[in-house]
Amino acid sequence: MNIKVLMVSVVVFLFFAACGGTEESESASAAADASADVSTQKAALAELTQVAMGEPFRVDAAALPAALGAPWLEGNVVFKFESVSSGMSIKDEVLPKVSSTTKGRTGDFYAAQGTYIAVTYTITAETKGLPGQVALRPSIHVDGAFQLADDQDNLYDVYNPKILKFGATASHRGFSFPVSAAIALQEGKDDPRKYVDSGQTITSVMAFDVPKDIGEVRLRSEFLGIELPLGTLASMLP
């Protein structure tokens, strides 16, 4: 009897040991998969083509993101990044030009949570289609194509924040405010929300809100497979 009990105990022990081994194996496999994903992402970042400030380059317009339900662009777009700056604020006089929800407010209400980085660019539309139809709109096709990456590979989208209503808590978001348009207009650039017909060239801005202690940053686009080193916040100051 004792021998039978011992044999049963050994079988039970081996069963649970095998189960535990399976769980550990699955856990190790999941960790390996996660590590592989990170490695793949870093490899993809490393493969982005480097572009330079002030040098024009042509891209396939179809690679740019489109608005929901809108057709993809056809033809080409010529990009040229002109400059980068940081630490700017929204001026009071530009508020009525960009939003009807700014009455009674000042530019301080729209201050960055960290600090603004503004990248100035020029684009020439070589797209197909009649004027006003299937036209390039920078606030969609450009803003949606680019992100800012820091030296830890954190990504920041073009900033179009949900502004808090007066007296509201952080969980009750209100109006949307076009920061890029505000900075573009107060610097004498073109409004990125307006359409750019084929043959037209405009100069505008894409703005990002980033932490004040951010390290070196770069502009990147997975849509276009390109990357532009921008340096540090200190190097962007006037």
Protein backbone atom coordinates (compact mmCIF):
# COMPACT_ATOMS: atom_id res chain seq x y z
CA MET A 1 0.00 0.00 0.00
CA ASN A 2 2.78 2.40 0.91
CA ILE A 3 4.49 1.69 -2.38
CA LYS A 4 1.28 2.49 -4.30
CA VAL A 5 0.84 5.75 -2.39
CA LEU A 6 4.45 6.64 -3.12
CA MET A 7 4.00 5.93 -6.82
CA VAL A 8 0.83 8.06 -6.98
CA SER A 9 2.63 10.89 -5.20
CA VAL A 10 5.49 10.74 -7.69
CA VAL A 11 3.06 10.83 -10.64
CA VAL A 12 1.19 13.84 -9.17
CA PHE A 13 4.47 15.63 -8.52
CA LEU A 14 5.68 15.04 -12.05
CA PHE A 15 2.34 16.27 -13.46
CA PHE A 16 2.47 19.57 -11.60
CA ALA A 17 6.15 19.98 -12.39
CA ALA A 18 5.34 19.55 -16.06
CA CYS A 19 2.53 22.12 -15.82
CA GLY A 20 4.83 24.56 -14.08
CA GLY A 21 7.45 23.98 -16.73
CA THR A 22 4.88 24.71 -19.43
CA GLU A 23 3.91 28.02 -17.77
CA GLU A 24 7.53 29.02 -17.40
CA SER A 25 8.15 28.06 -21.02
CA GLU A 26 5.15 30.13 -22.16
CA SER A 27 6.32 33.07 -20.05
CA ALA A 28 9.82 32.83 -21.48
CA SER A 29 8.37 32.61 -25.00
CA ALA A 30 6.22 35.72 -24.41
CA ALA A 31 9.24 37.63 -23.09
CA ALA A 32 11.25 36.57 -26.13
CA ASP A 33 8.45 37.73 -28.45
CA ALA A 34 8.27 41.11 -26.69
CA SER A 35 12.04 41.47 -26.97
CA ALA A 36 11.87 40.59 -30.66
CA ASP A 37 9.15 43.23 -31.19
CA VAL A 38 11.31 45.91 -29.55
CA SER A 39 14.29 44.85 -31.65
CA THR A 40 12.16 44.99 -34.80
CA GLN A 41 10.93 48.49 -33.91
CA LYS A 42 14.47 49.73 -33.26
CA ALA A 43 15.63 48.19 -36.51
CA ALA A 44 12.80 49.96 -38.35
CA LEU A 45 13.84 53.27 -36.78
CA ALA A 46 17.43 52.70 -37.83
CA GLU A 47 16.33 52.07 -41.41
CA LEU A 48 14.62 55.46 -41.82
CA THR A 49 16.24 57.61 -44.50
CA GLN A 50 17.98 60.66 -43.08
CA VAL A 51 17.00 64.02 -44.58
CA ALA A 52 18.66 67.38 -43.93
CA MET A 53 17.35 70.79 -42.97
CA GLY A 54 17.02 73.06 -46.00
CA GLU A 55 17.30 70.30 -48.60
CA PRO A 56 14.14 69.60 -50.69
CA PHE A 57 12.99 66.06 -51.38
CA ARG A 58 10.05 64.60 -53.29
CA VAL A 59 7.65 61.97 -51.93
CA ASP A 60 4.75 59.98 -53.32
CA ALA A 61 1.61 61.81 -52.21
CA ALA A 62 -0.24 58.49 -51.89
CA ALA A 63 2.00 57.64 -48.92
CA LEU A 64 0.53 60.49 -46.87
CA PRO A 65 -2.40 59.73 -44.53
CA ALA A 66 -5.85 60.76 -45.71
CA ALA A 67 -8.87 62.07 -43.82
CA LEU A 68 -11.49 59.52 -42.83
CA GLY A 69 -13.61 58.72 -45.86
CA ALA A 70 -11.51 60.92 -48.17
CA PRO A 71 -9.63 59.60 -51.23
CA TRP A 72 -5.86 59.21 -51.16
CA LEU A 73 -3.78 61.88 -52.84
CA GLU A 74 -2.24 61.19 -56.25
CA GLY A 75 0.97 62.61 -57.61
CA ASN A 76 3.89 63.98 -55.58
CA VAL A 77 4.66 66.47 -52.83
CA VAL A 78 7.98 68.30 -52.48
CA PHE A 79 9.05 68.90 -48.86
CA LYS A 80 11.71 71.18 -47.45
CA PHE A 81 12.24 71.68 -43.72
CA GLU A 82 13.24 75.26 -43.07
CA SER A 83 13.92 75.63 -39.33
CA VAL A 84 13.04 74.48 -35.81
CA SER A 85 12.42 76.59 -32.70
CA SER A 86 11.20 76.07 -29.15
CA GLY A 87 9.74 77.89 -26.17
CA MET A 88 7.23 80.02 -28.06
CA SER A 89 3.88 81.10 -26.56
CA ILE A 90 0.50 81.77 -28.15
CA LYS A 91 -0.11 85.50 -28.63
CA ASP A 92 -3.46 87.03 -27.67
CA GLU A 93 -4.02 88.71 -31.04
CA VAL A 94 -3.88 85.41 -32.95
CA LEU A 95 -6.61 83.68 -30.92
CA PRO A 96 -9.65 85.03 -32.86
CA LYS A 97 -7.98 84.01 -36.13
CA VAL A 98 -7.81 80.32 -35.26
CA SER A 99 -10.85 79.56 -33.12
CA SER A 100 -14.27 80.96 -32.25
CA THR A 101 -14.07 79.46 -28.74
CA THR A 102 -11.34 81.81 -27.49
CA LYS A 103 -13.55 84.76 -26.48
CA GLY A 104 -12.58 86.13 -23.08
CA ARG A 105 -9.37 84.09 -22.95
CA THR A 106 -5.72 84.97 -23.35
CA GLY A 107 -2.79 83.12 -24.86
CA ASP A 108 -1.74 81.98 -21.39
CA PHE A 109 -4.80 79.73 -21.36
CA TYR A 110 -3.26 77.82 -24.29
CA ALA A 111 0.25 77.54 -22.87
CA ALA A 112 2.14 74.30 -23.44
CA GLN A 113 2.02 71.65 -20.74
CA GLY A 114 5.79 71.37 -21.22
CA THR A 115 7.23 73.48 -24.01
CA TYR A 116 6.32 73.93 -27.66
CA ILE A 117 8.60 72.84 -30.48
CA ALA A 118 7.71 74.27 -33.90
CA VAL A 119 9.09 72.84 -37.14
CA THR A 120 8.73 75.19 -40.13
CA TYR A 121 8.44 73.51 -43.52
CA THR A 122 7.71 74.37 -47.15
CA ILE A 123 5.67 72.10 -49.39
CA THR A 124 4.88 72.22 -53.09
CA ALA A 125 1.88 70.23 -54.28
CA GLU A 126 2.43 68.24 -57.46
CA THR A 127 -0.85 66.43 -56.95
CA LYS A 128 -3.47 65.49 -59.49
CA GLY A 129 -7.08 66.64 -59.57
CA LEU A 130 -9.08 69.81 -60.12
CA PRO A 131 -8.55 72.81 -57.79
CA GLY A 132 -10.36 72.25 -54.52
CA GLN A 133 -10.82 68.55 -55.21
CA VAL A 134 -8.60 65.91 -53.62
CA ALA A 135 -6.28 68.73 -52.57
CA LEU A 136 -3.42 68.60 -50.08
CA ARG A 137 -4.35 69.82 -46.61
CA PRO A 138 -1.29 70.10 -44.32
CA SER A 139 -3.25 69.80 -41.06
CA ILE A 140 -4.27 66.31 -42.21
CA HIS A 141 -1.72 65.03 -44.71
CA VAL A 142 1.39 66.51 -43.08
CA ASP A 143 0.47 66.64 -39.38
CA GLY A 144 -0.78 63.06 -39.55
CA ALA A 145 2.41 61.81 -41.18
CA PHE A 146 4.97 63.06 -38.66
CA GLN A 147 5.89 62.49 -35.04
CA LEU A 148 8.65 63.76 -32.79
CA ALA A 149 10.92 61.13 -31.21
CA ASP A 150 13.25 61.71 -28.26
CA ASP A 151 16.48 59.89 -27.37
CA GLN A 152 14.42 57.29 -25.43
CA ASP A 153 12.27 56.59 -28.52
CA ASN A 154 9.20 58.18 -26.92
CA LEU A 155 6.89 59.55 -29.62
CA TYR A 156 4.91 62.81 -29.65
CA ASP A 157 2.13 63.62 -32.10
CA VAL A 158 1.55 67.04 -33.64
CA TYR A 159 -0.16 68.92 -30.83
CA ASN A 160 -3.88 69.67 -31.14
CA PRO A 161 -4.95 69.52 -27.50
CA LYS A 162 -8.37 69.27 -25.99
CA ILE A 163 -8.55 72.50 -24.00
CA LEU A 164 -10.22 72.37 -20.59
CA LYS A 165 -13.43 74.30 -20.11
CA PHE A 166 -13.42 76.84 -17.30
CA GLY A 167 -14.10 75.10 -14.01
CA ALA A 168 -13.84 71.65 -15.59
CA THR A 169 -11.74 68.80 -14.30
CA ALA A 170 -9.11 67.05 -16.36
CA SER A 171 -11.57 64.26 -17.18
CA HIS A 172 -14.04 66.63 -18.85
CA ARG A 173 -12.41 67.82 -22.04
CA GLY A 174 -13.83 70.65 -24.08
CA PHE A 175 -12.69 72.57 -27.13
CA SER A 176 -10.00 71.62 -29.59
CA PHE A 177 -7.38 74.31 -30.28
CA PRO A 178 -5.17 74.32 -33.43
CA VAL A 179 -1.77 75.13 -31.94
CA SER A 180 0.11 74.63 -35.23
CA ALA A 181 -2.17 77.12 -37.00
CA ALA A 182 -1.80 79.66 -34.19
CA ILE A 183 2.00 79.51 -34.23
CA ALA A 184 2.08 79.56 -38.05
CA LEU A 185 -0.10 82.67 -38.30
CA GLN A 186 1.67 84.63 -35.59
CA GLU A 187 4.98 83.93 -37.35
CA GLY A 188 3.59 85.09 -40.69
CA LYS A 189 3.32 81.61 -42.21
CA ASP A 190 0.45 79.93 -44.03
CA ASP A 191 -2.49 78.36 -42.20
CA PRO A 192 -1.97 74.55 -42.30
CA ARG A 193 -5.74 74.02 -42.26
CA LYS A 194 -6.18 75.50 -45.75
CA TYR A 195 -6.04 73.40 -48.91
CA VAL A 196 -3.02 73.51 -51.22
CA ASP A 197 -3.92 72.97 -54.87
CA SER A 198 -1.62 71.45 -57.45
CA GLY A 199 1.20 73.81 -58.37
CA GLN A 200 0.95 75.83 -55.16
CA THR A 201 3.76 76.24 -52.62
CA ILE A 202 3.15 77.19 -48.99
CA THR A 203 5.26 77.54 -45.85
CA SER A 204 3.69 76.44 -42.58
CA VAL A 205 4.38 74.97 -39.14
CA MET A 206 3.82 71.74 -37.24
CA ALA A 207 3.94 72.12 -33.45
CA PHE A 208 4.63 69.63 -30.66
CA ASP A 209 4.24 69.88 -26.88
CA VAL A 210 7.13 68.08 -25.18
CA PRO A 211 8.59 67.87 -21.64
CA LYS A 212 10.97 70.68 -20.71
CA ASP A 213 13.68 68.16 -19.78
CA ILE A 214 13.50 66.27 -23.07
CA GLY A 215 16.83 65.25 -24.60
CA GLU A 216 17.80 65.28 -28.26
CA VAL A 217 14.84 64.98 -30.62
CA ARG A 218 14.25 64.07 -34.24
CA LEU A 219 11.34 64.47 -36.61
CA ARG A 220 10.29 61.14 -38.08
CA SER A 221 7.68 59.71 -40.42
CA GLU A 222 6.97 56.00 -40.78
CA PHE A 223 4.57 56.89 -43.60
CA LEU A 224 7.40 58.36 -45.65
CA GLY A 225 10.29 56.38 -44.13
CA ILE A 226 12.30 59.50 -43.26
CA GLU A 227 13.91 61.10 -40.24
CA LEU A 228 15.32 64.58 -39.53
CA PRO A 229 17.64 65.19 -36.53
CA LEU A 230 16.63 68.39 -34.71
CA GLY A 231 19.03 68.58 -31.76
CA THR A 232 18.21 69.74 -28.22
CA LEU A 233 15.83 72.39 -26.90
CA ALA A 234 18.79 74.63 -26.10
CA SER A 235 19.97 74.49 -29.71
CA MET A 236 16.51 75.54 -30.93
CA LEU A 237 16.33 78.79 -28.96
CA PRO A 238 16.61 82.06 -30.97
